[in-house]
Amino acid sequence: MFKTKADRLESLIQYVYQELSKYSNKEIKILNKHNLVGKSGVTHNIDVYYQFEQNGIKHKVIFECKNWNSKVSKEKVLTLKSIIEDIPNSVGIMVAPQGYQKGAKEFAAHHGIQLISGSEESLLSVVIQKQLKVVLPDEKVIGEPFYCLMEKNNDGRVTGAYIQSSVIDDEPLLILCFSKKEAEEIKTNLSSVVRGIDKKHLEVLCNYSDNFGLKLAIKRFMSTEVLVVETQLIRDYFL
């Protein structure tokens, strides 16, 4: 359980980049809440940090996470810039799900600071695409063993967000169905689409559930009953 929204976002970013680092030929370890001493002698507490060595030079990547309900201002990006300038061979990335004010975007672009925004699901989709080496599930994916609902954009392509329903005590659940027809029957809006979940997709969902508390549930075949299940049971019976 995460103490704060900030802790949750930092752990998500650490997880995403640790997974992505598996596809690199460099040895990378992603650290959370890491202290670095700058040229000034001041210690900076970095939300998420990793470094790698290339051509004998250590490159450092500094993440600043802002899990706020409002857009990030230019002043916060300026703070990140000062940290980067104090730590040699470093670059900065800011992550803020609610986005950034206009001045923050302009300032970051001028100083080469990368800004990332978007939901947890969209950040996870980056990992899914890399892990499966395909675009997110399309209509050709056969549900072996499940089908579920995903969000689609105006072009009909999935956005990377799995649609969750509240059917037990108003708790958000990702419902897995044994048939495409049953998944279609629980569609609630026009922005949802049924997609098959094969074993590789299911493994990713189980990993995400273990790390970030996504609740998985299975709809019993030809029944309205939905059962919340632990990831270990899913792995034992379906992977």
C-alpha atoms as a PDB file:
ATOM      1  CA  MET A   1       0.000   0.000   0.000  1.00  0.00           C
ATOM      2  CA  PHE A   2       1.317   3.429  -0.943  1.00  0.00           C
ATOM      3  CA  LYS A   3       1.374   6.184   1.678  1.00  0.00           C
ATOM      4  CA  THR A   4       0.748   9.015  -0.786  1.00  0.00           C
ATOM      5  CA  LYS A   5      -0.159   9.662  -4.433  1.00  0.00           C
ATOM      6  CA  ALA A   6       3.436  10.798  -4.911  1.00  0.00           C
ATOM      7  CA  ASP A   7       4.777   7.451  -3.672  1.00  0.00           C
ATOM      8  CA  ARG A   8       2.500   5.619  -6.085  1.00  0.00           C
ATOM      9  CA  LEU A   9       3.601   7.645  -9.111  1.00  0.00           C
ATOM     10  CA  GLU A  10       7.290   7.316  -8.218  1.00  0.00           C
ATOM     11  CA  SER A  11       6.934   3.543  -7.849  1.00  0.00           C
ATOM     12  CA  LEU A  12       5.108   3.354 -11.184  1.00  0.00           C
ATOM     13  CA  ILE A  13       7.873   5.283 -12.976  1.00  0.00           C
ATOM     14  CA  GLN A  14      10.523   3.109 -11.330  1.00  0.00           C
ATOM     15  CA  TYR A  15       8.651  -0.015 -12.484  1.00  0.00           C
ATOM     16  CA  VAL A  16       8.108   1.243 -16.050  1.00  0.00           C
ATOM     17  CA  TYR A  17      11.745   2.165 -16.638  1.00  0.00           C
ATOM     18  CA  GLN A  18      13.091  -0.905 -14.873  1.00  0.00           C
ATOM     19  CA  GLU A  19      11.022  -3.037 -17.260  1.00  0.00           C
ATOM     20  CA  LEU A  20      12.144  -1.024 -20.282  1.00  0.00           C
ATOM     21  CA  SER A  21      15.778  -1.327 -19.188  1.00  0.00           C
ATOM     22  CA  LYS A  22      15.531  -5.101 -19.711  1.00  0.00           C
ATOM     23  CA  TYR A  23      15.606  -4.420 -23.447  1.00  0.00           C
ATOM     24  CA  SER A  24      18.851  -2.458 -23.221  1.00  0.00           C
ATOM     25  CA  ASN A  25      22.319  -3.930 -23.535  1.00  0.00           C
ATOM     26  CA  LYS A  26      23.406  -1.708 -20.659  1.00  0.00           C
ATOM     27  CA  GLU A  27      23.276  -2.686 -17.005  1.00  0.00           C
ATOM     28  CA  ILE A  28      20.812  -0.249 -15.470  1.00  0.00           C
ATOM     29  CA  LYS A  29      19.359  -0.129 -11.980  1.00  0.00           C
ATOM     30  CA  ILE A  30      16.455   2.197 -11.327  1.00  0.00           C
ATOM     31  CA  LEU A  31      16.423   3.760  -7.843  1.00  0.00           C
ATOM     32  CA  ASN A  32      13.602   5.431  -5.928  1.00  0.00           C
ATOM     33  CA  LYS A  33      14.197   8.350  -3.498  1.00  0.00           C
ATOM     34  CA  HIS A  34      17.920   8.407  -4.201  1.00  0.00           C
ATOM     35  CA  ASN A  35      20.271  11.003  -2.683  1.00  0.00           C
ATOM     36  CA  LEU A  36      22.867  12.655  -4.928  1.00  0.00           C
ATOM     37  CA  VAL A  37      25.453  15.238  -3.873  1.00  0.00           C
ATOM     38  CA  GLY A  38      25.865  18.016  -6.429  1.00  0.00           C
ATOM     39  CA  LYS A  39      28.890  20.169  -7.316  1.00  0.00           C
ATOM     40  CA  SER A  40      27.647  22.691  -4.760  1.00  0.00           C
ATOM     41  CA  GLY A  41      27.920  20.141  -1.954  1.00  0.00           C
ATOM     42  CA  VAL A  42      24.146  20.165  -1.534  1.00  0.00           C
ATOM     43  CA  THR A  43      22.373  16.777  -1.308  1.00  0.00           C
ATOM     44  CA  HIS A  44      19.417  16.373  -3.670  1.00  0.00           C
ATOM     45  CA  ASN A  45      16.737  13.764  -2.992  1.00  0.00           C
ATOM     46  CA  ILE A  46      15.791  12.420  -6.429  1.00  0.00           C
ATOM     47  CA  ASP A  47      12.314  10.913  -6.902  1.00  0.00           C
ATOM     48  CA  VAL A  48      13.499   8.302  -9.414  1.00  0.00           C
ATOM     49  CA  TYR A  49      17.055   7.965 -10.711  1.00  0.00           C
ATOM     50  CA  TYR A  50      19.123   5.781 -12.970  1.00  0.00           C
ATOM     51  CA  GLN A  51      22.554   5.924 -14.517  1.00  0.00           C
ATOM     52  CA  PHE A  52      24.402   3.999 -17.187  1.00  0.00           C
ATOM     53  CA  GLU A  53      27.916   4.056 -18.589  1.00  0.00           C
ATOM     54  CA  GLN A  54      28.662   4.659 -22.257  1.00  0.00           C
ATOM     55  CA  ASN A  55      32.078   5.258 -23.806  1.00  0.00           C
ATOM     56  CA  GLY A  56      33.548   5.509 -20.319  1.00  0.00           C
ATOM     57  CA  ILE A  57      31.154   8.289 -19.259  1.00  0.00           C
ATOM     58  CA  LYS A  58      28.466   7.908 -16.616  1.00  0.00           C
ATOM     59  CA  HIS A  59      25.142   9.323 -17.790  1.00  0.00           C
ATOM     60  CA  LYS A  60      22.562  10.197 -15.139  1.00  0.00           C
ATOM     61  CA  VAL A  61      18.795  10.478 -15.626  1.00  0.00           C
ATOM     62  CA  ILE A  62      16.818  12.402 -13.007  1.00  0.00           C
ATOM     63  CA  PHE A  63      13.037  12.054 -12.717  1.00  0.00           C
ATOM     64  CA  GLU A  64      10.878  14.573 -10.881  1.00  0.00           C
ATOM     65  CA  CYS A  65       7.335  13.269 -10.265  1.00  0.00           C
ATOM     66  CA  LYS A  66       4.358  15.567  -9.610  1.00  0.00           C
ATOM     67  CA  ASN A  67       1.181  13.594  -8.942  1.00  0.00           C
ATOM     68  CA  TRP A  68      -0.945  16.703  -8.475  1.00  0.00           C
ATOM     69  CA  ASN A  69      -4.536  17.622  -9.281  1.00  0.00           C
ATOM     70  CA  SER A  70      -3.373  20.683 -11.231  1.00  0.00           C
ATOM     71  CA  LYS A  71      -0.938  21.448 -14.030  1.00  0.00           C
ATOM     72  CA  VAL A  72       2.725  21.984 -13.160  1.00  0.00           C
ATOM     73  CA  SER A  73       4.023  25.562 -13.284  1.00  0.00           C
ATOM     74  CA  LYS A  74       7.205  26.901 -14.892  1.00  0.00           C
ATOM     75  CA  GLU A  75       8.769  27.421 -11.439  1.00  0.00           C
ATOM     76  CA  LYS A  76       8.812  23.665 -10.762  1.00  0.00           C
ATOM     77  CA  VAL A  77      10.558  22.986 -14.061  1.00  0.00           C
ATOM     78  CA  LEU A  78      13.058  25.717 -13.165  1.00  0.00           C
ATOM     79  CA  THR A  79      13.789  23.858  -9.905  1.00  0.00           C
ATOM     80  CA  LEU A  80      14.516  20.671 -11.842  1.00  0.00           C
ATOM     81  CA  LYS A  81      16.827  22.621 -14.165  1.00  0.00           C
ATOM     82  CA  SER A  82      18.849  23.868 -11.188  1.00  0.00           C
ATOM     83  CA  ILE A  83      19.291  20.291  -9.933  1.00  0.00           C
ATOM     84  CA  ILE A  84      20.466  19.116 -13.360  1.00  0.00           C
ATOM     85  CA  GLU A  85      23.004  21.945 -13.528  1.00  0.00           C
ATOM     86  CA  ASP A  86      24.368  20.925 -10.111  1.00  0.00           C
ATOM     87  CA  ILE A  87      24.829  17.257 -11.104  1.00  0.00           C
ATOM     88  CA  PRO A  88      27.326  16.645 -13.963  1.00  0.00           C
ATOM     89  CA  ASN A  89      26.325  14.549 -17.004  1.00  0.00           C
ATOM     90  CA  SER A  90      22.662  14.494 -16.045  1.00  0.00           C
ATOM     91  CA  VAL A  91      19.410  15.009 -17.918  1.00  0.00           C
ATOM     92  CA  GLY A  92      15.990  15.714 -16.467  1.00  0.00           C
ATOM     93  CA  ILE A  93      12.554  14.206 -17.014  1.00  0.00           C
ATOM     94  CA  MET A  94       9.418  15.458 -15.279  1.00  0.00           C
ATOM     95  CA  VAL A  95       6.309  13.305 -14.947  1.00  0.00           C
ATOM     96  CA  ALA A  96       2.936  14.920 -14.173  1.00  0.00           C
ATOM     97  CA  PRO A  97      -0.323  13.093 -14.999  1.00  0.00           C
ATOM     98  CA  GLN A  98      -2.317  16.363 -15.142  1.00  0.00           C
ATOM     99  CA  GLY A  99       0.096  18.053 -17.539  1.00  0.00           C
ATOM    100  CA  TYR A 100       1.872  21.413 -17.583  1.00  0.00           C
ATOM    101  CA  GLN A 101       1.167  25.105 -17.881  1.00  0.00           C
ATOM    102  CA  LYS A 102       2.134  26.827 -21.131  1.00  0.00           C
ATOM    103  CA  GLY A 103       5.179  28.539 -19.610  1.00  0.00           C
ATOM    104  CA  ALA A 104       6.431  25.243 -18.188  1.00  0.00           C
ATOM    105  CA  LYS A 105       6.270  23.592 -21.620  1.00  0.00           C
ATOM    106  CA  GLU A 106       8.112  26.441 -23.304  1.00  0.00           C
ATOM    107  CA  PHE A 107      10.818  26.586 -20.631  1.00  0.00           C
ATOM    108  CA  ALA A 108      11.340  22.802 -20.668  1.00  0.00           C
ATOM    109  CA  ALA A 109      11.569  22.699 -24.474  1.00  0.00           C
ATOM    110  CA  HIS A 110      14.199  25.446 -24.485  1.00  0.00           C
ATOM    111  CA  HIS A 111      16.367  23.699 -21.883  1.00  0.00           C
ATOM    112  CA  GLY A 112      16.003  20.125 -23.157  1.00  0.00           C
ATOM    113  CA  ILE A 113      13.911  18.834 -20.252  1.00  0.00           C
ATOM    114  CA  GLN A 114      11.487  16.089 -21.233  1.00  0.00           C
ATOM    115  CA  LEU A 115       7.911  16.388 -19.966  1.00  0.00           C
ATOM    116  CA  ILE A 116       5.701  13.309 -19.605  1.00  0.00           C
ATOM    117  CA  SER A 117       1.995  13.313 -18.809  1.00  0.00           C
ATOM    118  CA  GLY A 118      -0.841  10.802 -18.985  1.00  0.00           C
ATOM    119  CA  SER A 119      -2.670   8.241 -16.897  1.00  0.00           C
ATOM    120  CA  GLU A 120      -1.088   5.256 -15.158  1.00  0.00           C
ATOM    121  CA  GLU A 121      -2.609   3.034 -17.824  1.00  0.00           C
ATOM    122  CA  SER A 122      -1.022   4.982 -20.660  1.00  0.00           C
ATOM    123  CA  LEU A 123       2.373   4.844 -18.945  1.00  0.00           C
ATOM    124  CA  LEU A 124       1.980   1.105 -18.471  1.00  0.00           C
ATOM    125  CA  SER A 125       1.071   0.711 -22.148  1.00  0.00           C
ATOM    126  CA  VAL A 126       4.648   1.752 -23.014  1.00  0.00           C
ATOM    127  CA  VAL A 127       5.881  -1.307 -21.125  1.00  0.00           C
ATOM    128  CA  ILE A 128       3.231  -3.576 -22.625  1.00  0.00           C
ATOM    129  CA  GLN A 129       4.122  -2.558 -26.173  1.00  0.00           C
ATOM    130  CA  LYS A 130       7.808  -3.183 -25.525  1.00  0.00           C
ATOM    131  CA  GLN A 131       7.303  -6.469 -23.719  1.00  0.00           C
ATOM    132  CA  LEU A 132       5.010  -7.953 -26.335  1.00  0.00           C
ATOM    133  CA  LYS A 133       6.832  -6.297 -29.257  1.00  0.00           C
ATOM    134  CA  VAL A 134       3.460  -5.546 -30.841  1.00  0.00           C
ATOM    135  CA  VAL A 135       0.949  -2.739 -30.746  1.00  0.00           C
ATOM    136  CA  LEU A 136      -1.658  -3.173 -28.021  1.00  0.00           C
ATOM    137  CA  PRO A 137      -4.208  -5.958 -28.631  1.00  0.00           C
ATOM    138  CA  ASP A 138      -6.195  -5.542 -31.833  1.00  0.00           C
ATOM    139  CA  GLU A 139      -9.220  -7.403 -33.157  1.00  0.00           C
ATOM    140  CA  LYS A 140      -6.989 -10.241 -34.409  1.00  0.00           C
ATOM    141  CA  VAL A 141      -5.883 -11.289 -30.920  1.00  0.00           C
ATOM    142  CA  ILE A 142      -7.750 -14.402 -29.810  1.00  0.00           C
ATOM    143  CA  GLY A 143      -8.818 -14.461 -26.182  1.00  0.00           C
ATOM    144  CA  GLU A 144      -6.878 -17.409 -24.883  1.00  0.00           C
ATOM    145  CA  PRO A 145      -7.851 -17.459 -22.105  1.00  0.00           C
ATOM    146  CA  PHE A 146      -9.848 -14.195 -21.686  1.00  0.00           C
ATOM    147  CA  TYR A 147     -11.530 -11.163 -23.226  1.00  0.00           C
ATOM    148  CA  CYS A 148     -11.857  -7.750 -21.622  1.00  0.00           C
ATOM    149  CA  LEU A 149     -12.824  -4.145 -22.379  1.00  0.00           C
ATOM    150  CA  MET A 150     -10.303  -1.547 -23.489  1.00  0.00           C
ATOM    151  CA  GLU A 151     -10.643   2.138 -24.231  1.00  0.00           C
ATOM    152  CA  LYS A 152     -10.522   3.205 -27.888  1.00  0.00           C
ATOM    153  CA  ASN A 153      -9.920   6.576 -29.500  1.00  0.00           C
ATOM    154  CA  ASN A 154     -11.786   8.181 -32.391  1.00  0.00           C
ATOM    155  CA  ASP A 155      -9.784   6.099 -34.875  1.00  0.00           C
ATOM    156  CA  GLY A 156     -10.924   2.877 -33.223  1.00  0.00           C
ATOM    157  CA  ARG A 157      -7.448   2.031 -31.919  1.00  0.00           C
ATOM    158  CA  VAL A 158      -6.938   1.095 -28.285  1.00  0.00           C
ATOM    159  CA  THR A 159      -5.349   3.791 -26.139  1.00  0.00           C
ATOM    160  CA  GLY A 160      -3.613   1.445 -23.702  1.00  0.00           C
ATOM    161  CA  ALA A 161      -6.206   1.867 -20.941  1.00  0.00           C
ATOM    162  CA  TYR A 162      -8.062  -1.180 -19.671  1.00  0.00           C
ATOM    163  CA  ILE A 163     -11.633  -0.258 -18.707  1.00  0.00           C
ATOM    164  CA  GLN A 164     -12.510  -1.083 -15.121  1.00  0.00           C
ATOM    165  CA  SER A 165     -16.030  -1.621 -13.811  1.00  0.00           C
ATOM    166  CA  SER A 166     -17.441  -1.197 -10.307  1.00  0.00           C
ATOM    167  CA  VAL A 167     -19.613  -4.249  -9.687  1.00  0.00           C
ATOM    168  CA  ILE A 168     -18.545  -5.228  -6.153  1.00  0.00           C
ATOM    169  CA  ASP A 169     -18.847  -2.626  -3.374  1.00  0.00           C
ATOM    170  CA  ASP A 170     -18.127   0.126  -5.939  1.00  0.00           C
ATOM    171  CA  GLU A 171     -14.552  -1.151  -6.207  1.00  0.00           C
ATOM    172  CA  PRO A 172     -12.880  -0.672  -9.629  1.00  0.00           C
ATOM    173  CA  LEU A 173     -12.192  -4.068 -11.187  1.00  0.00           C
ATOM    174  CA  LEU A 174     -10.767  -5.236 -14.473  1.00  0.00           C
ATOM    175  CA  ILE A 175     -13.230  -7.951 -15.479  1.00  0.00           C
ATOM    176  CA  LEU A 176     -11.933 -10.899 -17.485  1.00  0.00           C
ATOM    177  CA  CYS A 177     -14.523 -12.858 -19.504  1.00  0.00           C
ATOM    178  CA  PHE A 178     -14.267 -16.324 -20.985  1.00  0.00           C
ATOM    179  CA  SER A 179     -16.056 -15.338 -24.204  1.00  0.00           C
ATOM    180  CA  LYS A 180     -16.114 -12.335 -26.516  1.00  0.00           C
ATOM    181  CA  LYS A 181     -19.907 -12.272 -26.414  1.00  0.00           C
ATOM    182  CA  GLU A 182     -20.001 -11.981 -22.626  1.00  0.00           C
ATOM    183  CA  ALA A 183     -17.460  -9.158 -22.716  1.00  0.00           C
ATOM    184  CA  GLU A 184     -19.613  -7.332 -25.269  1.00  0.00           C
ATOM    185  CA  GLU A 185     -22.595  -7.634 -22.947  1.00  0.00           C
ATOM    186  CA  ILE A 186     -20.889  -5.581 -20.232  1.00  0.00           C
ATOM    187  CA  LYS A 187     -19.905  -2.712 -22.556  1.00  0.00           C
ATOM    188  CA  THR A 188     -21.110   0.522 -21.009  1.00  0.00           C
ATOM    189  CA  ASN A 189     -20.113   3.200 -23.525  1.00  0.00           C
ATOM    190  CA  LEU A 190     -19.179   3.784 -27.145  1.00  0.00           C
ATOM    191  CA  SER A 191     -15.514   4.415 -26.301  1.00  0.00           C
ATOM    192  CA  SER A 192     -14.978   0.806 -25.203  1.00  0.00           C
ATOM    193  CA  VAL A 193     -14.015  -2.128 -27.369  1.00  0.00           C
ATOM    194  CA  VAL A 194     -13.594  -5.854 -26.669  1.00  0.00           C
ATOM    195  CA  ARG A 195     -10.082  -7.209 -27.015  1.00  0.00           C
ATOM    196  CA  GLY A 196      -8.632 -10.664 -26.559  1.00  0.00           C
ATOM    197  CA  ILE A 197      -6.117 -11.308 -23.808  1.00  0.00           C
ATOM    198  CA  ASP A 198      -3.615 -14.058 -24.520  1.00  0.00           C
ATOM    199  CA  LYS A 199      -1.150 -15.501 -22.022  1.00  0.00           C
ATOM    200  CA  LYS A 200       1.521 -12.892 -22.698  1.00  0.00           C
ATOM    201  CA  HIS A 201      -0.913 -10.037 -22.112  1.00  0.00           C
ATOM    202  CA  LEU A 202      -2.217 -11.791 -19.006  1.00  0.00           C
ATOM    203  CA  GLU A 203       1.276 -12.075 -17.538  1.00  0.00           C
ATOM    204  CA  VAL A 204       1.741  -8.312 -17.940  1.00  0.00           C
ATOM    205  CA  LEU A 205      -1.607  -7.635 -16.233  1.00  0.00           C
ATOM    206  CA  CYS A 206      -0.663  -9.912 -13.329  1.00  0.00           C
ATOM    207  CA  ASN A 207       2.650  -8.093 -12.919  1.00  0.00           C
ATOM    208  CA  TYR A 208       0.879  -4.744 -12.924  1.00  0.00           C
ATOM    209  CA  SER A 209      -1.662  -6.012 -10.397  1.00  0.00           C
ATOM    210  CA  ASP A 210       1.129  -7.188  -8.088  1.00  0.00           C
ATOM    211  CA  ASN A 211       2.963  -3.876  -8.283  1.00  0.00           C
ATOM    212  CA  PHE A 212       0.147  -1.339  -8.359  1.00  0.00           C
ATOM    213  CA  GLY A 213      -2.971  -2.919  -6.901  1.00  0.00           C
ATOM    214  CA  LEU A 214      -5.029  -3.363 -10.068  1.00  0.00           C
ATOM    215  CA  LYS A 215      -7.896  -5.644  -9.025  1.00  0.00           C
ATOM    216  CA  LEU A 216      -8.548  -8.543 -11.402  1.00  0.00           C
ATOM    217  CA  ALA A 217     -11.881 -10.356 -11.494  1.00  0.00           C
ATOM    218  CA  ILE A 218     -13.232 -13.249 -13.545  1.00  0.00           C
ATOM    219  CA  LYS A 219     -16.840 -13.364 -14.740  1.00  0.00           C
ATOM    220  CA  ARG A 220     -18.218 -16.843 -14.395  1.00  0.00           C
ATOM    221  CA  PHE A 221     -19.313 -18.326 -17.719  1.00  0.00           C
ATOM    222  CA  MET A 222     -23.015 -17.736 -18.481  1.00  0.00           C
ATOM    223  CA  SER A 223     -23.508 -16.065 -15.092  1.00  0.00           C
ATOM    224  CA  THR A 224     -23.697 -12.545 -13.711  1.00  0.00           C
ATOM    225  CA  GLU A 225     -21.378 -13.501 -10.853  1.00  0.00           C
ATOM    226  CA  VAL A 226     -17.952 -11.866 -10.801  1.00  0.00           C
ATOM    227  CA  LEU A 227     -15.164 -13.215  -8.599  1.00  0.00           C
ATOM    228  CA  VAL A 228     -12.143 -11.193  -7.505  1.00  0.00           C
ATOM    229  CA  VAL A 229      -9.078 -13.407  -7.877  1.00  0.00           C
ATOM    230  CA  GLU A 230      -5.480 -13.270  -6.705  1.00  0.00           C
ATOM    231  CA  THR A 231      -2.789 -13.146  -9.351  1.00  0.00           C
ATOM    232  CA  GLN A 232      -1.200 -16.344  -8.065  1.00  0.00           C
ATOM    233  CA  LEU A 233      -4.408 -18.260  -8.815  1.00  0.00           C
ATOM    234  CA  ILE A 234      -4.482 -16.807 -12.319  1.00  0.00           C
ATOM    235  CA  ARG A 235      -0.877 -17.843 -12.860  1.00  0.00           C
ATOM    236  CA  ASP A 236      -1.513 -21.344 -11.471  1.00  0.00           C
ATOM    237  CA  TYR A 237      -4.536 -22.053 -13.669  1.00  0.00           C
ATOM    238  CA  PHE A 238      -4.070 -19.963 -16.820  1.00  0.00           C
ATOM    239  CA  LEU A 239      -0.350 -19.302 -17.374  1.00  0.00           C
END
